[in-house]
Amino acid sequence: SYHYSNRDGSYYYQNSNGSTFYQSSDGYQNYTAPYSNPRYGRQ
């Protein structure tokens, strides 16, 4: 898994199972369930 923070305060995190979490500097949050991401569709 990995994560990174941007200078503007936004934050992105990706779990090893394929789920992702994003939070922007203004408080918006987005969660993607494991393996629903298109780039994980091919295994």
N, C-alpha and C. Protein backbone atom coordinates (compact mmCIF):
# COMPACT_ATOMS: atom_id res chain seq x y z
N SER A 1 0.84 -1.19 0.00
CA SER A 1 0.00 0.00 0.00
C SER A 1 0.88 1.24 0.00
N TYR A 2 0.32 2.34 -0.43
CA TYR A 2 1.09 3.58 -0.42
C TYR A 2 0.15 4.76 -0.24
N HIS A 3 0.71 5.88 0.14
CA HIS A 3 -0.09 7.09 0.27
C HIS A 3 0.80 8.29 -0.02
N TYR A 4 0.19 9.39 -0.35
CA TYR A 4 0.94 10.63 -0.50
C TYR A 4 0.07 11.82 -0.17
N SER A 5 0.71 12.88 0.26
CA SER A 5 0.01 14.12 0.56
C SER A 5 0.52 15.21 -0.38
N ASN A 6 -0.40 16.01 -0.87
CA ASN A 6 -0.01 17.11 -1.75
C ASN A 6 0.18 18.39 -0.96
N ARG A 7 0.83 19.36 -1.60
CA ARG A 7 1.10 20.62 -0.93
C ARG A 7 -0.16 21.35 -0.52
N ASP A 8 -1.23 21.18 -1.28
CA ASP A 8 -2.46 21.92 -0.97
C ASP A 8 -3.25 21.26 0.16
N GLY A 9 -2.75 20.16 0.69
CA GLY A 9 -3.41 19.53 1.82
C GLY A 9 -4.24 18.32 1.44
N SER A 10 -4.32 18.01 0.16
CA SER A 10 -5.07 16.82 -0.25
C SER A 10 -4.26 15.56 0.07
N TYR A 11 -4.96 14.46 0.19
CA TYR A 11 -4.34 13.23 0.67
C TYR A 11 -4.90 12.05 -0.12
N TYR A 12 -4.03 11.14 -0.50
CA TYR A 12 -4.45 9.98 -1.27
C TYR A 12 -3.82 8.74 -0.66
N TYR A 13 -4.63 7.70 -0.52
CA TYR A 13 -4.14 6.46 0.09
C TYR A 13 -4.66 5.28 -0.72
N GLN A 14 -3.79 4.32 -0.98
CA GLN A 14 -4.20 3.12 -1.69
C GLN A 14 -3.82 1.89 -0.89
N ASN A 15 -4.81 1.04 -0.62
CA ASN A 15 -4.57 -0.19 0.11
C ASN A 15 -4.07 -1.28 -0.83
N SER A 16 -3.46 -2.31 -0.26
CA SER A 16 -2.92 -3.39 -1.06
C SER A 16 -4.01 -4.21 -1.74
N ASN A 17 -5.25 -4.13 -1.24
CA ASN A 17 -6.35 -4.88 -1.86
C ASN A 17 -6.99 -4.13 -3.02
N GLY A 18 -6.51 -2.95 -3.32
CA GLY A 18 -7.02 -2.23 -4.48
C GLY A 18 -7.97 -1.10 -4.14
N SER A 19 -8.38 -0.98 -2.89
CA SER A 19 -9.27 0.11 -2.51
C SER A 19 -8.46 1.40 -2.36
N THR A 20 -9.10 2.51 -2.65
CA THR A 20 -8.41 3.79 -2.55
C THR A 20 -9.23 4.77 -1.74
N PHE A 21 -8.55 5.70 -1.11
CA PHE A 21 -9.22 6.75 -0.34
C PHE A 21 -8.59 8.08 -0.71
N TYR A 22 -9.42 9.07 -0.99
CA TYR A 22 -8.93 10.40 -1.35
C TYR A 22 -9.63 11.45 -0.52
N GLN A 23 -8.87 12.41 -0.04
CA GLN A 23 -9.45 13.54 0.67
C GLN A 23 -8.80 14.81 0.17
N SER A 24 -9.62 15.74 -0.31
CA SER A 24 -9.08 16.99 -0.82
C SER A 24 -8.92 18.01 0.29
N SER A 25 -8.29 19.12 -0.03
CA SER A 25 -8.00 20.13 0.98
C SER A 25 -9.26 20.79 1.52
N ASP A 26 -10.35 20.75 0.74
CA ASP A 26 -11.60 21.37 1.21
C ASP A 26 -12.53 20.38 1.91
N GLY A 27 -12.05 19.16 2.15
CA GLY A 27 -12.82 18.21 2.94
C GLY A 27 -13.57 17.17 2.14
N TYR A 28 -13.51 17.26 0.81
CA TYR A 28 -14.18 16.25 -0.02
C TYR A 28 -13.48 14.90 0.15
N GLN A 29 -14.27 13.85 0.31
CA GLN A 29 -13.71 12.52 0.47
C GLN A 29 -14.28 11.57 -0.57
N ASN A 30 -13.45 10.68 -1.06
CA ASN A 30 -13.90 9.69 -2.03
C ASN A 30 -13.25 8.35 -1.70
N TYR A 31 -14.08 7.31 -1.62
CA TYR A 31 -13.57 5.97 -1.34
C TYR A 31 -13.95 5.04 -2.49
N THR A 32 -13.00 4.27 -2.96
CA THR A 32 -13.26 3.30 -4.01
C THR A 32 -13.09 1.90 -3.42
N ALA A 33 -14.09 1.07 -3.59
CA ALA A 33 -14.08 -0.27 -3.01
C ALA A 33 -12.99 -1.13 -3.66
N PRO A 34 -12.55 -2.17 -2.97
CA PRO A 34 -11.49 -3.03 -3.51
C PRO A 34 -11.83 -3.60 -4.88
N TYR A 35 -10.91 -3.45 -5.82
CA TYR A 35 -10.97 -4.06 -7.15
C TYR A 35 -12.13 -3.60 -8.00
N SER A 36 -12.80 -2.51 -7.63
CA SER A 36 -13.80 -1.96 -8.54
C SER A 36 -13.13 -0.97 -9.48
N ASN A 37 -11.87 -0.71 -9.22
CA ASN A 37 -11.09 0.20 -10.05
C ASN A 37 -10.74 -0.49 -11.37
N PRO A 38 -10.94 0.16 -12.51
CA PRO A 38 -10.71 -0.47 -13.81
C PRO A 38 -9.31 -1.05 -13.97
N ARG A 39 -8.29 -0.39 -13.42
CA ARG A 39 -6.94 -0.91 -13.63
C ARG A 39 -6.69 -2.17 -12.84
N TYR A 40 -7.60 -2.55 -11.94
CA TYR A 40 -7.47 -3.82 -11.24
C TYR A 40 -8.36 -4.90 -11.88
N GLY A 41 -9.03 -4.57 -12.96
CA GLY A 41 -9.94 -5.52 -13.58
C GLY A 41 -9.23 -6.68 -14.23
N ARG A 42 -8.00 -6.45 -14.69
CA ARG A 42 -7.25 -7.53 -15.33
C ARG A 42 -6.28 -8.12 -14.33
N GLN A 43 -6.47 -9.37 -14.02
CA GLN A 43 -5.60 -10.02 -13.04
C GLN A 43 -4.97 -11.27 -13.64
